[in-house]
Amino acid sequence: MYLAIREMRFSKVRYTLIATIMLLVSFLVLFVTGLARGLAYDNAASIENMEATHFVMEKDSNHRFTRSQVGAEALEQAKSIAGENNAQPLGVRMTTVTLEGYKLDVTLLAVEPEGWLTPPAAQGSSLEEAGVGSVLVDSKLKDSGVRIGSTLVDQASGMKWTVAGFVNRESFSHSPAVFLSENDWRQLQQVAAARSGMPTDTTYSAIAVKAGKQQAERLATALPDNEIVAKSEAVSAIPGYKEEQGSLMMMIVFLFVISAFVLTVFFYVITIQKSSQFGILKAIGTRASYLAGSVALQVLLLCLASLTISVLLVQVLESVLPSGMPFQLPASTLALTSGAFLAMSLAGSLLSVWKVNRINALDAIGRTAA
């Protein structure tokens, strides 16, 4: 440890440059990770916030809410197996609403007003208190001029709803969520059926259930025309979710690889330049393990210092980002990303450690004398 710190104090410029590069790379890794986590949450916040463990969906719907139709009979069977209070209907429809002529893309989520799928109102009245014809909307719509008491008009059906309150962090496929009652959902379907001239029964996009593994298996047996989809699978099936996360994860992986490669090259070149000094130290009795540990310690110290500064910079940046920016970096994700970066950095030092162990003291002294 003495040798590692003494050398870093002696060659301040060299190690400062390496630390700066590690700082920039680690900051970029943390920022992209936070962006990926934020985009994932923004894409499926309303589904992830639900207490449901599984969803009953139509077969061949590819686990997508917008392609699924489930009838009232399936709802009753689900309640009989999972429990009366553990199964609730869920309607999902992406649409465009107008506010005083201004168009807004939203996702309608139909729920039972008194049920556990309904999020609590952060401002205004709850859906149960407001009654039929009222909706809860995501607070992001405030930026578009939506206020409590505003009237939203569905462009497709012409139905009108009054904004009763706001909810926080509720979105689906990156569009703000609008929660309406089950009765309004039925009326919406009736209006759509009347316009098409075809009669229709009330259907839902899915049935949200709280069920254990055995109950899920019983549901699958009792509902052969439907499929039981785990919550994680339903989230992954949201349009664009896997593609978006796949692209960002590829970027993060490449950043890890690049950081490890850059660090490996820097320390390997430095090790080659110091091979004669290492040889002399070996000749006077210094163990190779001590020298290799010195190199690894330098990498560890530089990595810890750059990570600490990067975490502080990311937290400062997160505090000044606009509220609409999809950025999330919880403590668990931060610890996991930092640990992975530290592991990759130490892995990058292995080549230098191998080189130190391979240095021959007599050859190194001979090169110095020459």
Protein backbone atom coordinates (compact mmCIF):
# COMPACT_ATOMS: atom_id res chain seq x y z
CA MET A 1 0.00 0.00 0.00
CA TYR A 2 2.89 2.34 0.81
CA LEU A 3 4.43 1.84 -2.65
CA ALA A 4 1.11 2.38 -4.46
CA ILE A 5 0.26 5.64 -2.69
CA ARG A 6 3.84 6.95 -2.85
CA GLU A 7 3.96 6.43 -6.60
CA MET A 8 0.58 8.10 -7.13
CA ARG A 9 1.73 11.12 -5.13
CA PHE A 10 4.94 11.30 -7.17
CA SER A 11 3.21 11.03 -10.60
CA LYS A 12 0.23 13.28 -9.91
CA VAL A 13 -0.40 14.38 -13.51
CA ARG A 14 -0.35 10.86 -14.93
CA TYR A 15 -2.77 9.41 -12.40
CA THR A 16 -4.98 12.51 -12.43
CA LEU A 17 -5.50 12.06 -16.17
CA ILE A 18 -6.37 8.39 -15.69
CA ALA A 19 -8.76 9.26 -12.86
CA THR A 20 -10.42 11.93 -15.03
CA ILE A 21 -11.05 9.42 -17.81
CA MET A 22 -12.47 6.94 -15.30
CA LEU A 23 -14.64 9.72 -13.85
CA LEU A 24 -16.11 10.61 -17.24
CA VAL A 25 -16.79 6.98 -18.14
CA SER A 26 -18.32 6.12 -14.76
CA PHE A 27 -20.50 9.24 -14.86
CA LEU A 28 -21.73 8.29 -18.34
CA VAL A 29 -22.46 4.73 -17.20
CA LEU A 30 -24.48 5.95 -14.20
CA PHE A 31 -26.35 8.54 -16.25
CA VAL A 32 -27.33 6.10 -19.01
CA THR A 33 -28.33 3.53 -16.36
CA GLY A 34 -30.57 6.10 -14.66
CA LEU A 35 -32.03 7.07 -18.02
CA ALA A 36 -32.75 3.43 -18.89
CA ARG A 37 -34.42 2.85 -15.52
CA GLY A 38 -36.42 6.05 -15.86
CA LEU A 39 -37.60 5.22 -19.38
CA ALA A 40 -38.58 1.71 -18.28
CA TYR A 41 -40.66 3.09 -15.43
CA ASP A 42 -42.23 5.80 -17.59
CA ASN A 43 -43.21 3.18 -20.16
CA ALA A 44 -45.02 0.93 -17.68
CA ALA A 45 -45.53 2.95 -14.48
CA SER A 46 -49.27 2.32 -14.20
CA ILE A 47 -48.85 -1.45 -14.56
CA GLU A 48 -45.84 -1.64 -12.24
CA ASN A 49 -47.66 0.39 -9.58
CA MET A 50 -50.54 -2.09 -9.48
CA GLU A 51 -50.62 -4.66 -6.70
CA ALA A 52 -51.56 -7.42 -9.15
CA THR A 53 -49.28 -10.44 -9.53
CA HIS A 54 -50.90 -11.82 -12.70
CA PHE A 55 -53.24 -10.76 -15.47
CA VAL A 56 -55.84 -12.89 -17.22
CA MET A 57 -55.66 -12.08 -20.92
CA GLU A 58 -57.06 -13.36 -24.17
CA LYS A 59 -55.09 -16.10 -25.88
CA ASP A 60 -52.97 -15.08 -28.88
CA SER A 61 -52.89 -11.47 -27.66
CA ASN A 62 -49.10 -11.63 -27.28
CA HIS A 63 -49.55 -10.54 -23.64
CA ARG A 64 -50.58 -7.06 -24.82
CA PHE A 65 -53.39 -5.24 -23.04
CA THR A 66 -54.48 -3.36 -26.15
CA ARG A 67 -54.98 -6.62 -28.09
CA SER A 68 -56.81 -8.54 -25.38
CA GLN A 69 -60.54 -8.89 -24.71
CA VAL A 70 -61.83 -10.73 -21.65
CA GLY A 71 -65.52 -11.18 -20.83
CA ALA A 72 -67.50 -10.97 -17.59
CA GLU A 73 -67.64 -14.78 -17.27
CA ALA A 74 -63.88 -14.97 -16.98
CA LEU A 75 -64.03 -12.27 -14.31
CA GLU A 76 -66.48 -14.29 -12.22
CA GLN A 77 -64.36 -17.45 -12.52
CA ALA A 78 -61.25 -15.54 -11.54
CA LYS A 79 -63.02 -14.16 -8.46
CA SER A 80 -64.18 -17.63 -7.44
CA ILE A 81 -60.62 -19.00 -7.56
CA ALA A 82 -58.47 -16.07 -6.43
CA GLY A 83 -61.06 -14.56 -4.08
CA GLU A 84 -63.78 -11.95 -4.47
CA ASN A 85 -61.46 -9.08 -3.57
CA ASN A 86 -58.40 -10.44 -5.37
CA ALA A 87 -59.65 -10.15 -8.96
CA GLN A 88 -60.64 -6.89 -10.62
CA PRO A 89 -61.33 -5.86 -14.22
CA LEU A 90 -58.95 -3.61 -16.11
CA GLY A 91 -59.61 -1.77 -19.34
CA VAL A 92 -56.79 -0.26 -21.39
CA ARG A 93 -57.24 1.91 -24.45
CA MET A 94 -54.86 4.40 -26.04
CA THR A 95 -56.68 7.39 -27.46
CA THR A 96 -56.59 11.13 -28.11
CA VAL A 97 -58.57 13.61 -26.03
CA THR A 98 -59.12 17.29 -26.66
CA LEU A 99 -59.00 20.16 -24.19
CA GLU A 100 -60.37 23.38 -25.64
CA GLY A 101 -59.29 22.28 -29.10
CA TYR A 102 -55.82 21.15 -27.95
CA LYS A 103 -55.16 17.44 -28.60
CA LEU A 104 -53.52 15.18 -26.01
CA ASP A 105 -52.43 11.56 -26.44
CA VAL A 106 -53.38 9.56 -23.34
CA THR A 107 -54.11 6.02 -22.20
CA LEU A 108 -57.50 5.29 -20.68
CA LEU A 109 -57.39 2.87 -17.75
CA ALA A 110 -60.78 1.61 -16.58
CA VAL A 111 -60.89 0.42 -12.97
CA GLU A 112 -63.37 -0.13 -10.17
CA PRO A 113 -63.41 3.23 -8.31
CA GLU A 114 -63.31 1.57 -4.89
CA GLY A 115 -60.87 -1.18 -5.94
CA TRP A 116 -57.16 -1.63 -5.28
CA LEU A 117 -56.25 -0.90 -8.89
CA THR A 118 -57.30 2.73 -8.44
CA PRO A 119 -54.33 4.92 -7.43
CA PRO A 120 -54.76 7.43 -4.61
CA ALA A 121 -55.43 11.01 -5.65
CA ALA A 122 -52.48 13.29 -4.95
CA GLN A 123 -54.68 16.33 -5.52
CA GLY A 124 -58.44 16.73 -5.79
CA SER A 125 -61.12 14.09 -5.21
CA SER A 126 -60.80 10.33 -5.49
CA LEU A 127 -62.51 8.46 -8.31
CA GLU A 128 -64.99 6.93 -5.85
CA GLU A 129 -65.96 10.34 -4.45
CA ALA A 130 -66.23 12.00 -7.87
CA GLY A 131 -68.58 9.41 -9.36
CA VAL A 132 -69.53 8.66 -12.95
CA GLY A 133 -68.30 11.05 -15.62
CA SER A 134 -65.17 12.00 -13.69
CA VAL A 135 -61.56 10.93 -14.20
CA LEU A 136 -58.20 11.03 -12.47
CA VAL A 137 -55.31 12.13 -14.67
CA ASP A 138 -51.54 12.01 -14.39
CA SER A 139 -49.96 15.20 -13.08
CA LYS A 140 -47.87 15.54 -16.26
CA LEU A 141 -51.00 16.84 -17.98
CA LYS A 142 -50.76 19.99 -15.87
CA ASP A 143 -48.07 21.15 -18.28
CA SER A 144 -50.66 20.90 -21.08
CA GLY A 145 -53.13 23.15 -19.28
CA VAL A 146 -55.28 20.47 -17.62
CA ARG A 147 -56.75 21.58 -14.30
CA ILE A 148 -59.25 20.18 -11.80
CA GLY A 149 -62.65 20.80 -13.36
CA SER A 150 -61.32 20.71 -16.95
CA THR A 151 -63.40 18.79 -19.48
CA LEU A 152 -61.66 16.18 -21.63
CA VAL A 153 -63.40 15.06 -24.83
CA ASP A 154 -62.55 11.68 -26.32
CA GLN A 155 -61.87 12.26 -30.00
CA ALA A 156 -62.97 8.75 -31.05
CA SER A 157 -66.28 8.47 -29.16
CA GLY A 158 -67.13 12.07 -28.32
CA MET A 159 -67.59 11.23 -24.63
CA LYS A 160 -66.79 13.94 -22.11
CA TRP A 161 -65.16 13.55 -18.69
CA THR A 162 -64.49 16.04 -15.93
CA VAL A 163 -61.08 16.01 -14.26
CA ALA A 164 -61.67 15.30 -10.56
CA GLY A 165 -58.07 15.02 -9.43
CA PHE A 166 -54.45 14.25 -10.23
CA VAL A 167 -52.29 11.20 -9.58
CA ASN A 168 -48.50 11.00 -9.58
CA ARG A 169 -46.26 8.88 -11.82
CA GLU A 170 -48.98 7.06 -13.76
CA SER A 171 -48.27 6.40 -17.43
CA PHE A 172 -48.55 3.68 -20.05
CA SER A 173 -46.36 3.42 -23.14
CA HIS A 174 -44.96 6.89 -22.36
CA SER A 175 -48.42 8.49 -22.48
CA PRO A 176 -50.13 10.00 -19.40
CA ALA A 177 -52.74 7.78 -17.77
CA VAL A 178 -56.39 8.77 -17.41
CA PHE A 179 -58.31 6.63 -14.89
CA LEU A 180 -62.06 6.30 -15.41
CA SER A 181 -64.71 4.22 -13.69
CA GLU A 182 -65.93 0.85 -14.89
CA ASN A 183 -69.35 2.39 -15.65
CA ASP A 184 -67.78 4.98 -17.96
CA TRP A 185 -65.86 2.14 -19.65
CA ARG A 186 -69.12 0.31 -20.37
CA GLN A 187 -70.65 3.47 -21.78
CA LEU A 188 -67.59 4.02 -23.93
CA GLN A 189 -67.94 0.54 -25.40
CA GLN A 190 -71.65 1.07 -26.01
CA VAL A 191 -70.97 4.31 -27.89
CA ALA A 192 -68.32 2.58 -30.00
CA ALA A 193 -70.72 -0.30 -30.75
CA ALA A 194 -73.53 2.09 -31.70
CA ARG A 195 -71.25 3.93 -34.11
CA SER A 196 -70.19 0.69 -35.78
CA GLY A 197 -73.76 -0.64 -35.85
CA MET A 198 -72.78 -3.87 -34.11
CA PRO A 199 -74.04 -5.03 -30.69
CA THR A 200 -71.40 -5.85 -28.14
CA ASP A 201 -71.09 -7.19 -24.63
CA THR A 202 -68.94 -5.47 -22.06
CA THR A 203 -65.37 -6.71 -22.27
CA TYR A 204 -62.16 -5.79 -20.49
CA SER A 205 -58.55 -5.75 -21.60
CA ALA A 206 -57.52 -7.99 -18.72
CA ILE A 207 -58.39 -9.18 -15.25
CA ALA A 208 -55.87 -8.19 -12.60
CA VAL A 209 -55.49 -10.81 -9.89
CA LYS A 210 -53.51 -11.30 -6.71
CA ALA A 211 -52.61 -14.96 -6.85
CA GLY A 212 -49.96 -17.37 -5.71
CA LYS A 213 -48.37 -20.01 -7.92
CA GLN A 214 -50.99 -22.65 -7.20
CA GLN A 215 -53.88 -20.25 -7.74
CA ALA A 216 -52.35 -19.15 -11.04
CA GLU A 217 -52.19 -22.79 -12.15
CA ARG A 218 -55.84 -23.29 -11.16
CA LEU A 219 -56.80 -20.18 -13.12
CA ALA A 220 -55.00 -21.52 -16.19
CA THR A 221 -56.92 -24.80 -15.90
CA ALA A 222 -60.29 -23.13 -15.33
CA LEU A 223 -59.83 -20.61 -18.16
CA PRO A 224 -58.52 -22.62 -21.14
CA ASP A 225 -59.51 -19.89 -23.61
CA ASN A 226 -57.40 -17.35 -21.76
CA GLU A 227 -53.82 -17.18 -20.58
CA ILE A 228 -52.41 -16.24 -17.19
CA VAL A 229 -49.66 -13.66 -17.67
CA ALA A 230 -47.19 -12.76 -14.94
CA LYS A 231 -46.85 -9.08 -14.21
CA SER A 232 -43.26 -8.95 -15.47
CA GLU A 233 -44.30 -10.55 -18.77
CA ALA A 234 -47.14 -8.06 -19.19
CA VAL A 235 -44.74 -5.17 -18.62
CA SER A 236 -42.21 -6.55 -21.13
CA ALA A 237 -44.98 -6.88 -23.74
CA ILE A 238 -45.86 -3.17 -23.68
CA PRO A 239 -45.07 -1.79 -27.17
CA GLY A 240 -41.48 -0.61 -27.43
CA TYR A 241 -40.48 -1.69 -23.92
CA LYS A 242 -38.07 -4.51 -24.81
CA GLU A 243 -36.64 -2.68 -27.84
CA GLU A 244 -36.00 0.48 -25.85
CA GLN A 245 -34.43 -1.32 -22.92
CA GLY A 246 -32.40 -3.58 -25.21
CA SER A 247 -30.81 -0.60 -26.96
CA LEU A 248 -29.96 1.16 -23.71
CA MET A 249 -28.59 -2.02 -22.10
CA MET A 250 -26.35 -2.54 -25.14
CA MET A 251 -25.00 0.97 -24.66
CA ILE A 252 -24.34 0.30 -20.97
CA VAL A 253 -22.56 -2.99 -21.70
CA PHE A 254 -20.36 -1.33 -24.33
CA LEU A 255 -19.50 1.45 -21.86
CA PHE A 256 -18.42 -1.16 -19.31
CA VAL A 257 -16.29 -2.95 -21.90
CA ILE A 258 -14.75 0.30 -23.16
CA SER A 259 -13.92 1.47 -19.64
CA ALA A 260 -12.25 -1.86 -18.81
CA PHE A 261 -10.30 -1.81 -22.10
CA VAL A 262 -9.09 1.79 -21.65
CA LEU A 263 -8.04 1.09 -18.08
CA THR A 264 -6.24 -2.09 -19.13
CA VAL A 265 -4.26 -0.28 -21.85
CA PHE A 266 -3.28 2.61 -19.57
CA PHE A 267 -1.98 0.46 -16.73
CA TYR A 268 -0.35 -2.08 -19.03
CA VAL A 269 1.66 0.69 -20.75
CA ILE A 270 2.61 2.13 -17.37
CA THR A 271 3.65 -1.32 -16.15
CA ILE A 272 5.89 -1.85 -19.20
CA GLN A 273 7.50 1.55 -18.62
CA LYS A 274 8.23 0.57 -15.00
CA SER A 275 9.42 -2.96 -15.72
CA SER A 276 13.05 -2.10 -14.90
CA GLN A 277 12.04 -0.60 -11.55
CA PHE A 278 9.92 -3.65 -10.78
CA GLY A 279 12.89 -5.86 -11.70
CA ILE A 280 15.17 -4.02 -9.32
CA LEU A 281 12.61 -4.30 -6.53
CA LYS A 282 12.36 -8.02 -7.18
CA ALA A 283 16.16 -8.32 -7.11
CA ILE A 284 16.37 -6.78 -3.66
CA GLY A 285 13.76 -9.20 -2.32
CA THR A 286 10.38 -7.60 -2.92
CA ARG A 287 7.73 -10.26 -3.49
CA ALA A 288 5.93 -10.32 -6.82
CA SER A 289 2.61 -10.56 -4.98
CA TYR A 290 3.36 -7.28 -3.22
CA LEU A 291 4.12 -5.52 -6.52
CA ALA A 292 1.01 -6.99 -8.17
CA GLY A 293 -1.08 -5.91 -5.19
CA SER A 294 0.33 -2.41 -5.52
CA VAL A 295 -0.91 -2.18 -9.12
CA ALA A 296 -4.34 -3.55 -8.18
CA LEU A 297 -4.57 -1.13 -5.25
CA GLN A 298 -3.87 1.82 -7.53
CA VAL A 299 -6.71 0.73 -9.80
CA LEU A 300 -9.01 0.26 -6.81
CA LEU A 301 -8.24 3.68 -5.34
CA LEU A 302 -8.69 5.47 -8.66
CA CYS A 303 -11.92 3.63 -9.33
CA LEU A 304 -13.36 4.38 -5.87
CA ALA A 305 -12.43 8.06 -6.14
CA SER A 306 -13.95 8.45 -9.62
CA LEU A 307 -17.10 6.55 -8.60
CA THR A 308 -17.59 8.71 -5.52
CA ILE A 309 -17.36 11.92 -7.52
CA SER A 310 -19.57 10.45 -10.27
CA VAL A 311 -22.30 9.53 -7.80
CA LEU A 312 -22.27 13.06 -6.38
CA LEU A 313 -22.41 14.59 -9.87
CA VAL A 314 -25.31 12.32 -10.90
CA GLN A 315 -27.27 13.20 -7.77
CA VAL A 316 -26.73 16.91 -8.39
CA LEU A 317 -27.80 16.47 -12.01
CA GLU A 318 -30.89 14.52 -10.96
CA SER A 319 -31.94 17.33 -8.64
CA VAL A 320 -31.84 19.94 -11.44
CA LEU A 321 -33.38 17.84 -14.21
CA PRO A 322 -36.91 18.88 -15.27
CA SER A 323 -39.77 16.89 -13.73
CA GLY A 324 -40.73 15.48 -17.12
CA MET A 325 -37.29 13.91 -17.61
CA PRO A 326 -37.58 10.11 -17.21
CA PHE A 327 -34.58 9.56 -14.94
CA GLN A 328 -34.45 7.20 -11.95
CA LEU A 329 -31.46 5.88 -10.08
CA PRO A 330 -32.59 4.20 -6.84
CA ALA A 331 -30.05 3.09 -4.26
CA SER A 332 -30.23 -0.58 -5.31
CA THR A 333 -29.55 0.21 -8.97
CA LEU A 334 -26.80 2.65 -8.00
CA ALA A 335 -25.07 0.06 -5.80
CA LEU A 336 -25.34 -2.64 -8.46
CA THR A 337 -23.99 -0.40 -11.23
CA SER A 338 -21.14 0.88 -9.06
CA GLY A 339 -20.23 -2.67 -8.03
CA ALA A 340 -20.20 -3.82 -11.66
CA PHE A 341 -18.00 -0.88 -12.67
CA LEU A 342 -15.60 -1.63 -9.84
CA ALA A 343 -15.43 -5.30 -10.83
CA MET A 344 -14.78 -4.43 -14.49
CA SER A 345 -12.02 -2.02 -13.48
CA LEU A 346 -10.30 -4.64 -11.32
CA ALA A 347 -10.66 -7.15 -14.15
CA GLY A 348 -8.92 -4.65 -16.41
CA SER A 349 -5.92 -4.60 -14.07
CA LEU A 350 -5.32 -8.35 -14.40
CA LEU A 351 -3.13 -7.96 -17.49
CA SER A 352 -0.83 -5.56 -15.63
CA VAL A 353 -0.72 -7.92 -12.64
CA TRP A 354 0.21 -10.78 -14.99
CA LYS A 355 2.95 -8.63 -16.54
CA VAL A 356 4.41 -7.79 -13.12
CA ASN A 357 4.60 -11.48 -12.21
CA ARG A 358 6.35 -12.24 -15.53
CA ILE A 359 9.11 -9.63 -15.08
CA ASN A 360 12.53 -11.24 -14.67
CA ALA A 361 14.77 -9.41 -12.24
CA LEU A 362 18.07 -10.18 -14.07
CA ASP A 363 16.68 -9.14 -17.45
CA ALA A 364 15.27 -5.92 -16.02
CA ILE A 365 18.59 -5.06 -14.34
CA GLY A 366 20.43 -5.84 -17.57
CA ARG A 367 18.21 -3.48 -19.55
CA THR A 368 18.78 -0.76 -16.94
CA ALA A 369 22.54 -1.20 -17.08
CA ALA A 370 22.51 -1.12 -20.87
